[in-house]
Protein backbone atom coordinates (compact mmCIF):
# COMPACT_ATOMS: atom_id res chain seq x y z
CA MET A 1 9.72 -72.78 -12.87
CA ILE A 2 10.69 -76.22 -12.36
CA TYR A 3 14.41 -75.66 -11.49
CA LYS A 4 13.17 -72.92 -8.98
CA LEU A 5 11.20 -75.62 -7.19
CA ILE A 6 14.16 -78.01 -7.02
CA GLN A 7 16.91 -75.44 -5.49
CA PRO A 8 19.77 -75.35 -4.47
CA PHE A 9 19.84 -78.33 -7.24
CA LYS A 10 20.85 -77.44 -10.60
CA SER A 11 20.01 -80.63 -11.79
CA ILE A 12 16.68 -82.77 -12.02
CA TRP A 13 18.68 -85.97 -11.48
CA LEU A 14 20.89 -84.34 -8.43
CA PHE A 15 17.13 -83.35 -7.30
CA LEU A 16 15.80 -86.98 -7.50
CA LEU A 17 18.94 -88.37 -5.84
CA ALA A 18 18.70 -86.39 -3.04
CA ASN A 19 15.46 -87.09 -2.52
CA VAL A 20 15.98 -91.44 -2.54
CA VAL A 21 18.84 -90.63 -0.02
CA LEU A 22 15.91 -88.78 2.25
CA GLY A 23 13.54 -91.68 1.27
CA ILE A 24 16.36 -94.38 2.55
CA ALA A 25 16.88 -92.01 5.81
CA PHE A 26 13.77 -92.12 6.54
CA ASN A 27 13.56 -95.66 6.02
CA LEU A 28 16.31 -95.99 8.98
CA ILE A 29 13.97 -93.77 11.14
CA LEU A 30 10.59 -95.26 10.85
CA TRP A 31 11.26 -99.11 8.95
CA ASN A 32 14.41 -100.16 10.28
CA GLU A 33 13.18 -103.26 9.93
CA SER A 34 12.69 -102.57 6.17
CA PHE A 35 16.25 -103.59 5.21
CA LYS A 36 15.74 -107.03 5.84
CA ASN A 37 13.64 -107.26 3.13
CA PRO A 38 14.48 -106.18 -0.39
CA LYS A 39 11.16 -105.79 -1.62
CA PHE A 40 9.88 -104.07 1.27
CA PHE A 41 13.00 -102.03 1.21
CA PHE A 42 11.98 -100.84 -2.46
CA PHE A 43 8.56 -100.17 -1.39
CA ALA A 44 9.19 -98.43 1.94
CA THR A 45 11.85 -96.33 -0.04
CA LEU A 46 9.32 -95.53 -2.63
CA TRP A 47 6.73 -94.53 -0.28
CA SER A 48 9.19 -92.36 1.83
CA MET A 49 10.46 -90.58 -1.85
CA THR A 50 6.79 -89.68 -2.31
CA ILE A 51 6.47 -88.02 0.92
CA SER A 52 9.66 -86.26 0.38
CA LEU A 53 8.81 -85.11 -2.92
CA SER A 54 5.44 -83.75 -2.32
CA GLN A 55 6.70 -81.76 0.61
CA TRP A 56 9.73 -80.12 -1.23
CA LEU A 57 8.18 -79.51 -4.22
CA GLY A 58 4.86 -77.92 -2.28
CA ASN A 59 6.32 -76.02 -0.03
CA SER A 60 9.12 -74.60 -2.71
CA TYR A 61 5.61 -73.52 -4.61
CA PHE A 62 3.90 -71.67 -1.91
CA GLY A 63 7.54 -69.99 -0.94
CA PHE A 64 7.86 -68.54 -4.02
CA LYS A 65 3.83 -67.71 -4.32
CA LEU A 66 4.21 -65.86 -0.85
CA GLY A 67 7.22 -64.04 -1.91
CA ASP A 68 4.75 -61.81 -4.85
CA TYR A 69 2.80 -60.88 -1.81
CA PHE A 70 5.25 -60.50 1.41
CA SER A 71 8.69 -59.43 1.02
CA TRP A 72 11.56 -60.55 3.39
CA PHE A 73 12.75 -56.99 3.66
CA ASP A 74 9.53 -54.78 3.54
CA GLU A 75 7.16 -57.21 5.61
CA PRO A 76 9.84 -59.74 7.26
CA LYS A 77 6.97 -60.63 10.22
CA LYS A 78 4.41 -61.38 8.02
CA ARG A 79 6.57 -63.33 5.37
CA LEU A 80 7.48 -65.45 8.33
CA PHE A 81 4.28 -66.01 9.88
CA PHE A 82 2.73 -67.00 6.78
CA GLY A 83 5.31 -68.97 5.65
CA VAL A 84 5.45 -70.90 8.62
CA VAL A 85 1.01 -71.21 8.47
CA THR A 86 1.66 -72.26 4.85
CA ILE A 87 4.23 -74.81 5.12
CA VAL A 88 2.37 -76.82 7.99
CA VAL A 89 -0.72 -76.67 7.02
CA TYR A 90 0.37 -77.81 3.45
CA SER A 91 2.75 -80.23 5.06
CA SER A 92 0.27 -82.44 7.19
CA ILE A 93 -2.66 -82.18 4.41
CA ALA A 94 -0.09 -83.43 1.77
CA TYR A 95 1.30 -86.23 4.30
CA ILE A 96 -2.12 -87.31 4.91
CA LEU A 97 -3.17 -87.62 1.37
CA VAL A 98 0.15 -89.13 0.73
CA GLN A 99 -0.47 -91.89 3.25
CA PHE A 100 -3.86 -92.64 2.36
CA ALA A 101 -2.73 -92.57 -1.65
CA MET A 102 0.02 -95.31 -0.67
CA ASN A 103 -2.21 -97.49 1.95
CA TYR A 104 -4.69 -98.03 -0.80
CA ILE A 105 -1.99 -98.74 -3.71
CA PHE A 106 0.05 -101.14 -1.45
CA PHE A 107 -2.44 -102.45 1.30
CA GLY A 108 -5.79 -101.98 -0.76
CA GLU A 109 -7.00 -99.98 2.29
CA THR A 110 -9.85 -97.52 2.06
CA PRO A 111 -9.45 -94.20 4.08
CA ASP A 112 -11.99 -95.57 6.80
CA ASN A 113 -9.65 -98.02 7.94
CA ALA A 114 -6.30 -96.23 7.38
CA TYR A 115 -7.26 -93.00 9.22
CA LYS A 116 -6.55 -93.88 12.97
CA TRP A 117 -3.02 -94.72 11.66
CA ILE A 118 -2.62 -91.62 9.67
CA LEU A 119 -3.72 -89.68 12.24
CA ASN A 120 -1.50 -91.20 15.16
CA GLN A 121 1.26 -90.24 12.87
CA LEU A 122 0.53 -86.75 12.66
CA LYS A 123 2.60 -86.14 15.99
CA PHE A 124 5.71 -87.05 13.83
CA THR A 125 4.23 -84.91 11.19
CA VAL A 126 3.82 -81.63 12.93
CA PRO A 127 7.58 -81.40 13.98
CA ILE A 128 8.96 -82.61 10.72
CA SER A 129 6.76 -79.92 9.39
CA LEU A 130 8.10 -76.89 11.59
CA PHE A 131 11.51 -78.12 10.72
CA ILE A 132 10.82 -77.84 6.95
CA ALA A 133 9.17 -74.46 7.75
CA PHE A 134 12.35 -73.44 9.25
CA THR A 135 14.36 -74.77 6.75
CA PHE A 136 12.61 -73.33 3.82
CA ASN A 137 12.24 -70.14 5.23
CA SER A 138 15.68 -70.04 5.99
CA ILE A 139 16.48 -70.82 2.74
CA GLY A 140 14.14 -67.94 1.14
CA PHE A 141 15.42 -65.37 3.83
CA PHE A 142 18.96 -66.13 2.49
CA GLN A 143 17.87 -66.19 -1.06
CA ALA A 144 16.03 -62.87 -0.79
CA TRP A 145 19.00 -61.43 0.80
CA LYS A 146 21.80 -63.01 -1.94
CA ASN A 147 19.31 -61.54 -4.82
CA ALA A 148 19.25 -58.32 -3.24
CA GLU A 149 22.78 -58.04 -3.03
CA ILE A 150 23.33 -58.92 -6.58
CA ASN A 151 20.60 -56.52 -7.73
CA ALA A 152 21.91 -53.82 -5.54
CA GLN A 153 25.63 -54.33 -7.31
CA LYS A 154 23.84 -54.74 -10.65
CA LEU A 155 22.05 -51.33 -10.25
CA GLU A 156 25.69 -49.66 -8.53
CA THR A 157 27.29 -50.56 -12.03
CA GLU A 158 24.29 -49.11 -13.98
CA MET A 159 24.70 -45.88 -11.95
CA LEU A 160 28.65 -45.72 -12.24
CA ARG A 161 27.64 -46.46 -16.13
CA TYR A 162 25.15 -43.86 -16.38
CA LYS A 163 27.48 -41.21 -14.80
CA TYR A 164 30.33 -41.66 -16.99
CA GLU A 165 28.27 -41.64 -19.73
CA SER A 166 26.88 -38.28 -18.45
CA LEU A 167 30.00 -36.92 -17.81
CA GLN A 168 31.58 -38.03 -21.51
CA ASN A 169 28.46 -36.52 -23.10
CA GLN A 170 29.45 -33.45 -21.59
CA ILE A 171 33.03 -33.06 -22.29
CA ASN A 172 33.26 -35.34 -25.87
CA PRO A 173 35.03 -33.52 -28.82
CA HIS A 174 31.82 -32.76 -30.64
CA PHE A 175 30.22 -30.90 -27.68
CA LEU A 176 33.49 -28.83 -27.01
CA PHE A 177 33.74 -28.12 -31.05
CA ASN A 178 30.20 -26.91 -30.96
CA SER A 179 30.43 -24.73 -28.09
CA PHE A 180 34.05 -23.04 -29.27
CA ASN A 181 32.58 -22.72 -32.59
CA VAL A 182 29.73 -20.62 -31.31
CA LEU A 183 32.46 -18.89 -28.76
CA SER A 184 34.93 -17.84 -31.86
CA GLU A 185 31.64 -16.10 -33.51
CA LEU A 186 30.79 -14.38 -30.15
CA VAL A 187 34.19 -13.06 -29.43
CA THR A 188 33.99 -10.98 -32.67
CA GLU A 189 30.20 -10.08 -32.83
CA ASP A 190 29.21 -9.30 -29.45
CA GLN A 191 32.02 -9.66 -26.50
CA VAL A 192 29.66 -9.03 -23.87
CA LEU A 193 26.76 -12.22 -24.91
CA ALA A 194 30.72 -13.88 -25.09
CA VAL A 195 31.42 -13.35 -21.88
CA LYS A 196 28.16 -14.53 -20.65
CA PHE A 197 28.87 -17.49 -22.71
CA ILE A 198 32.10 -18.50 -20.85
CA ASP A 199 30.45 -17.75 -17.76
CA LYS A 200 27.76 -20.30 -18.23
CA LEU A 201 29.79 -22.50 -19.68
CA SER A 202 32.37 -22.44 -16.77
CA SER A 203 29.13 -23.11 -14.57
CA LEU A 204 27.97 -26.07 -16.83
CA TYR A 205 31.27 -27.87 -16.11
CA ARG A 206 31.46 -26.84 -12.74
CA TYR A 207 28.31 -28.39 -11.82
CA VAL A 208 29.08 -31.74 -13.83
CA LEU A 209 32.44 -32.09 -11.97
CA GLU A 210 30.64 -31.52 -8.52
CA SER A 211 27.87 -33.71 -9.04
CA LYS A 212 29.56 -36.94 -10.57
CA GLU A 213 30.37 -38.24 -7.37
CA LYS A 214 26.59 -37.56 -6.21
CA ASP A 215 23.83 -40.28 -5.95
CA LEU A 216 20.90 -37.20 -6.15
CA VAL A 217 20.92 -33.31 -6.13
CA PRO A 218 18.12 -30.82 -4.93
CA LEU A 219 15.74 -29.98 -7.81
CA TYR A 220 16.61 -26.62 -7.56
CA GLU A 221 20.38 -27.45 -8.68
CA GLU A 222 19.44 -29.45 -11.25
CA LEU A 223 17.14 -26.62 -12.48
CA GLU A 224 20.21 -23.77 -12.00
CA PHE A 225 22.23 -26.26 -14.35
CA ILE A 226 19.65 -27.03 -16.78
CA GLN A 227 19.19 -23.09 -17.56
CA SER A 228 22.70 -22.74 -18.31
CA PHE A 229 22.63 -25.61 -20.50
CA ILE A 230 19.76 -24.14 -22.24
CA PHE A 231 21.18 -20.58 -22.47
CA LEU A 232 24.11 -22.39 -24.50
CA LEU A 233 21.87 -24.18 -26.74
CA GLN A 234 19.95 -21.04 -27.21
CA ILE A 235 23.04 -19.30 -28.53
CA ARG A 236 23.76 -22.11 -30.70
CA PHE A 237 20.57 -22.62 -32.25
CA GLU A 238 19.07 -19.06 -32.09
CA ASN A 239 15.46 -19.08 -33.01
CA LYS A 240 15.28 -22.91 -34.35
CA VAL A 241 14.56 -24.04 -30.76
CA GLU A 242 11.98 -22.99 -27.86
CA PHE A 243 12.21 -23.78 -24.27
CA LYS A 244 9.58 -23.38 -21.87
CA ILE A 245 10.00 -24.54 -18.11
CA ASN A 246 7.41 -24.49 -15.72
CA ILE A 247 8.55 -25.87 -12.65
CA GLU A 248 8.04 -24.11 -8.60
CA ASP A 249 10.41 -26.36 -6.66
CA ASP A 250 9.43 -26.12 -3.02
CA ASN A 251 12.78 -27.49 -1.82
CA LYS A 252 11.97 -31.19 -0.79
CA PHE A 253 12.42 -32.72 -3.69
CA PHE A 254 15.78 -34.43 -5.08
CA ILE A 255 16.55 -35.89 -8.89
CA VAL A 256 19.62 -37.92 -10.48
CA PRO A 257 22.26 -35.62 -11.48
CA MET A 258 21.76 -34.54 -15.01
CA ALA A 259 18.54 -36.29 -15.88
CA LEU A 260 17.03 -33.14 -17.03
CA GLN A 261 20.28 -32.58 -19.57
CA LEU A 262 20.03 -35.63 -20.68
CA LEU A 263 16.69 -35.47 -21.99
CA VAL A 264 17.17 -32.20 -23.16
CA GLU A 265 20.10 -33.14 -25.29
CA ASN A 266 18.19 -36.12 -26.50
CA ALA A 267 15.20 -33.63 -27.74
CA VAL A 268 18.09 -31.80 -29.90
CA LYS A 269 19.92 -34.83 -30.68
CA HIS A 270 17.15 -36.65 -32.39
CA ASN A 271 14.97 -34.23 -33.97
CA VAL A 272 15.16 -31.84 -36.72
CA ALA A 273 15.37 -27.92 -35.77
CA THR A 274 15.26 -25.12 -38.24
CA SER A 275 13.73 -21.87 -38.37
CA LYS A 276 10.61 -23.05 -40.49
CA LYS A 277 10.33 -26.36 -38.16
CA VAL A 278 11.29 -24.96 -34.68
CA LEU A 279 11.81 -27.50 -31.61
CA LYS A 280 9.62 -26.92 -28.86
CA VAL A 281 10.72 -28.36 -25.45
CA ASP A 282 8.75 -28.10 -22.43
CA ILE A 283 9.67 -29.00 -19.11
CA GLU A 284 7.07 -29.05 -16.26
CA LYS A 285 6.07 -30.48 -12.94
CA GLN A 286 3.04 -32.62 -12.88
CA GLY A 287 2.36 -34.11 -9.50
CA ASP A 288 5.41 -35.90 -8.06
CA PHE A 289 6.92 -36.26 -11.81
CA ILE A 290 9.01 -33.75 -14.12
CA VAL A 291 7.87 -34.14 -17.66
CA VAL A 292 10.29 -33.19 -20.42
CA LYS A 293 8.11 -33.30 -23.89
CA ASN A 294 9.13 -31.84 -27.40
CA ASN A 295 7.05 -31.94 -30.51
CA LEU A 296 8.08 -35.13 -32.59
CA GLN A 297 10.07 -34.17 -35.99
CA GLU A 298 12.71 -36.92 -36.05
CA LYS A 299 15.89 -36.91 -38.01
CA SER A 300 16.57 -39.58 -40.37
CA SER A 301 19.97 -40.06 -39.06
CA VAL A 302 21.74 -39.23 -35.50
CA GLU A 303 25.43 -39.17 -35.28
CA HIS A 304 27.30 -39.83 -32.68
CA SER A 305 24.25 -41.59 -30.21
CA THR A 306 24.87 -44.46 -28.38
CA ARG A 307 20.69 -44.81 -27.76
CA LYS A 308 21.82 -46.08 -24.04
CA GLY A 309 21.36 -42.93 -22.17
CA LEU A 310 17.44 -43.49 -21.42
CA GLU A 311 17.90 -46.78 -20.41
CA ASN A 312 20.91 -46.14 -18.18
CA LEU A 313 18.56 -43.46 -16.67
CA LYS A 314 16.06 -45.96 -15.98
CA GLN A 315 18.24 -48.56 -14.60
CA GLN A 316 19.74 -45.71 -12.32
CA TYR A 317 16.44 -44.92 -10.92
CA LYS A 318 15.65 -48.20 -9.88
CA PHE A 319 18.27 -47.78 -7.31
CA PHE A 320 15.93 -45.40 -5.65
CA THR A 321 12.10 -45.93 -6.05
CA GLU A 322 9.83 -48.07 -7.41
CA LYS A 323 7.99 -45.57 -9.54
CA GLU A 324 9.18 -46.26 -13.54
CA ILE A 325 10.26 -43.37 -15.73
CA LEU A 326 7.43 -43.24 -18.35
CA VAL A 327 7.90 -42.94 -21.89
CA THR A 328 5.36 -41.77 -24.65
CA LYS A 329 5.86 -41.58 -28.21
CA THR A 330 3.04 -40.43 -30.56
CA LYS A 331 3.17 -39.28 -34.25
CA GLU A 332 3.30 -35.57 -32.59
CA LYS A 333 5.16 -35.67 -29.48
CA PHE A 334 7.95 -37.32 -27.28
CA GLU A 335 7.34 -37.21 -23.59
CA VAL A 336 9.25 -38.52 -20.79
CA GLU A 337 7.99 -38.56 -17.15
CA ILE A 338 10.83 -38.77 -14.35
CA PRO A 339 9.91 -39.34 -10.52
CA LEU A 340 10.80 -36.70 -8.33
CA LEU A 341 12.28 -37.87 -5.18
CA GLU A 342 12.08 -37.49 -1.51
CA LYS A 343 15.60 -37.99 0.11
CA ILE A 344 15.81 -39.21 3.67
């Protein structure tokens, strides 16, 4: 926390040196006669440094606290108003308290004797406080803007990585190998089904190629895609995997491309699926979320898994909404809730 309070300085020693310089500057403005007396100069500089430190640290602290309640980008007017009011009020109170303390320490004056002189000094304090308010709020705004830019770039990088991994998952040799194995069997056993299998495989790759440049896709397009993907899985696993989709799309919702595919693929990849231990995968809409859940029967080991797909998906969703992807894991089930988005 201390390093946040002393920004833009990265070292406490540089921060203290800056306050020494400020103390000397205050001497030049308020007590220029102090340079004629080394002892008085030392005490005057210490006095000014105390004022500077209390102002800097206190205003930095309140600035960060205000950031927890008001965002520069969501509520800039409120943030500016409360920022200025807080800084002016705090600066005035802190200045008065420091002056009372220093007058007592150096001159033995009690508050009842010093208050008239201190209150008279407020005519200097308020303009200085307004200058401090402008400075700190300007710094706060540009820091928020800089952090937003950094976060946007980071999220964009995560999005591109997720898109790459999603595309890679679909065209990796293992997926193709399994698909062509199934297809070779169908060609000799059921040519009609083989043609349908090729059609679904083709539509699947068409969707992958068309959506790889999109940030969001309509929910109905993702549902059509996942139907093709599930068809391929059902041909491959036969009665070892059961799928249920219970979603009525009202055409207003959007979703990250291939999000459902990732979750369905994870369910199949990480769980045992046999005739005796059927893997059941349900996809349904609950409020503003799509829920994908499966009965948990984990494999002891999983080949060809980076275990980063879900984390990448979470990072990508942060680019569009503050709603989080919720993951629930119990002894009986694994459930993921994905926020539905309304594209503006």
